[in-house]
Amino acid sequence: AGGARWSLAIEGKTYGPYTDEALKQMVASGQVLPTTMAWHPGAAGWAPLQTFPGFEATSPGMAPPPPPPPPAR
């Protein structure tokens, strides 16, 4: 657990810095979407939050779709 390091880009404005824990809580509560553009020192550049380790679709509403039903015979 590090200090505040995350910046978010929402509707053309930059917010932050946020800690990992604060950001995870914001995603869980729906304040921040996994697709929100994020950056932290050391990152190659801005990218969707869900592409960073620890934030892979952490929102309850972002569960993977169920597998398709088997084909009818």
C-alpha atoms as a PDB file:
ATOM      1  CA  ALA A   1       0.000   0.000   0.000  1.00  0.00           C
ATOM      2  CA  GLY A   2       1.608   3.193  -1.170  1.00  0.00           C
ATOM      3  CA  GLY A   3       0.714   6.813  -0.792  1.00  0.00           C
ATOM      4  CA  ALA A   4      -1.623   8.815  -2.977  1.00  0.00           C
ATOM      5  CA  ARG A   5      -0.411   8.346  -6.526  1.00  0.00           C
ATOM      6  CA  TRP A   6      -3.369   7.863  -8.859  1.00  0.00           C
ATOM      7  CA  SER A   7      -4.677  10.649 -11.076  1.00  0.00           C
ATOM      8  CA  LEU A   8      -7.967  10.338 -12.969  1.00  0.00           C
ATOM      9  CA  ALA A   9      -9.170  12.109 -16.107  1.00  0.00           C
ATOM     10  CA  ILE A  10     -12.931  12.665 -16.103  1.00  0.00           C
ATOM     11  CA  GLU A  11     -14.700  14.836 -18.691  1.00  0.00           C
ATOM     12  CA  GLY A  12     -11.529  16.717 -19.547  1.00  0.00           C
ATOM     13  CA  LYS A  13     -10.534  17.448 -15.949  1.00  0.00           C
ATOM     14  CA  THR A  14      -7.819  15.809 -13.887  1.00  0.00           C
ATOM     15  CA  TYR A  15      -8.532  14.651 -10.340  1.00  0.00           C
ATOM     16  CA  GLY A  16      -6.315  13.215  -7.635  1.00  0.00           C
ATOM     17  CA  PRO A  17      -3.993  12.051  -6.416  1.00  0.00           C
ATOM     18  CA  TYR A  18      -5.782   9.122  -4.800  1.00  0.00           C
ATOM     19  CA  THR A  19      -4.466   6.125  -2.877  1.00  0.00           C
ATOM     20  CA  ASP A  20      -5.020   2.579  -4.149  1.00  0.00           C
ATOM     21  CA  GLU A  21      -7.512   1.946  -1.345  1.00  0.00           C
ATOM     22  CA  ALA A  22      -9.498   5.135  -1.965  1.00  0.00           C
ATOM     23  CA  LEU A  23      -9.650   4.395  -5.687  1.00  0.00           C
ATOM     24  CA  LYS A  24     -10.845   0.811  -5.114  1.00  0.00           C
ATOM     25  CA  GLN A  25     -13.601   2.109  -2.839  1.00  0.00           C
ATOM     26  CA  MET A  26     -14.625   4.682  -5.468  1.00  0.00           C
ATOM     27  CA  VAL A  27     -14.845   1.955  -8.126  1.00  0.00           C
ATOM     28  CA  ALA A  28     -16.799  -0.351  -5.802  1.00  0.00           C
ATOM     29  CA  SER A  29     -19.296   2.418  -5.011  1.00  0.00           C
ATOM     30  CA  GLY A  30     -19.707   3.319  -8.686  1.00  0.00           C
ATOM     31  CA  GLN A  31     -18.179   6.805  -8.382  1.00  0.00           C
ATOM     32  CA  VAL A  32     -15.417   5.772 -10.788  1.00  0.00           C
ATOM     33  CA  LEU A  33     -15.827   3.395 -13.730  1.00  0.00           C
ATOM     34  CA  PRO A  34     -13.234   0.745 -14.628  1.00  0.00           C
ATOM     35  CA  THR A  35     -13.041   2.500 -18.009  1.00  0.00           C
ATOM     36  CA  THR A  36     -12.066   5.860 -16.458  1.00  0.00           C
ATOM     37  CA  MET A  37      -8.683   7.027 -17.733  1.00  0.00           C
ATOM     38  CA  ALA A  38      -6.044   6.810 -15.016  1.00  0.00           C
ATOM     39  CA  TRP A  39      -2.336   7.401 -14.553  1.00  0.00           C
ATOM     40  CA  HIS A  40       0.287   6.980 -11.845  1.00  0.00           C
ATOM     41  CA  PRO A  41       4.012   7.795 -11.722  1.00  0.00           C
ATOM     42  CA  GLY A  42       5.849   5.025 -13.529  1.00  0.00           C
ATOM     43  CA  ALA A  43       2.954   4.175 -15.857  1.00  0.00           C
ATOM     44  CA  ALA A  44       3.660   4.316 -19.583  1.00  0.00           C
ATOM     45  CA  GLY A  45       0.803   6.778 -19.998  1.00  0.00           C
ATOM     46  CA  TRP A  46      -2.894   7.324 -19.405  1.00  0.00           C
ATOM     47  CA  ALA A  47      -4.942   4.134 -19.729  1.00  0.00           C
ATOM     48  CA  PRO A  48      -8.327   2.779 -18.592  1.00  0.00           C
ATOM     49  CA  LEU A  49      -8.198   1.972 -14.885  1.00  0.00           C
ATOM     50  CA  GLN A  50      -9.190  -1.658 -15.576  1.00  0.00           C
ATOM     51  CA  THR A  51      -5.891  -2.213 -17.428  1.00  0.00           C
ATOM     52  CA  PHE A  52      -3.833  -1.694 -14.256  1.00  0.00           C
ATOM     53  CA  PRO A  53      -3.036  -4.620 -11.918  1.00  0.00           C
ATOM     54  CA  GLY A  54      -5.448  -4.702  -9.011  1.00  0.00           C
ATOM     55  CA  PHE A  55      -8.193  -2.846 -10.872  1.00  0.00           C
ATOM     56  CA  GLU A  56      -9.250  -5.463 -13.421  1.00  0.00           C
ATOM     57  CA  ALA A  57     -13.019  -4.917 -13.505  1.00  0.00           C
ATOM     58  CA  THR A  58     -13.256  -4.632  -9.716  1.00  0.00           C
ATOM     59  CA  SER A  59     -16.762  -3.169  -9.896  1.00  0.00           C
ATOM     60  CA  PRO A  60     -19.562  -5.617  -8.964  1.00  0.00           C
ATOM     61  CA  GLY A  61     -21.429  -4.614 -12.120  1.00  0.00           C
ATOM     62  CA  MET A  62     -18.479  -5.530 -14.316  1.00  0.00           C
ATOM     63  CA  ALA A  63     -18.624  -9.312 -13.904  1.00  0.00           C
ATOM     64  CA  PRO A  64     -17.813 -11.214 -17.094  1.00  0.00           C
ATOM     65  CA  PRO A  65     -20.843 -12.349 -19.082  1.00  0.00           C
ATOM     66  CA  PRO A  66     -21.988 -15.927 -18.489  1.00  0.00           C
ATOM     67  CA  PRO A  67     -20.820 -18.493 -21.038  1.00  0.00           C
ATOM     68  CA  PRO A  68     -23.225 -19.039 -23.926  1.00  0.00           C
ATOM     69  CA  PRO A  69     -25.606 -21.981 -23.582  1.00  0.00           C
ATOM     70  CA  PRO A  70     -24.580 -25.156 -25.384  1.00  0.00           C
ATOM     71  CA  PRO A  71     -25.965 -25.368 -28.912  1.00  0.00           C
ATOM     72  CA  ALA A  72     -29.286 -27.182 -29.245  1.00  0.00           C
ATOM     73  CA  ARG A  73     -29.096 -30.495 -31.060  1.00  0.00           C
END
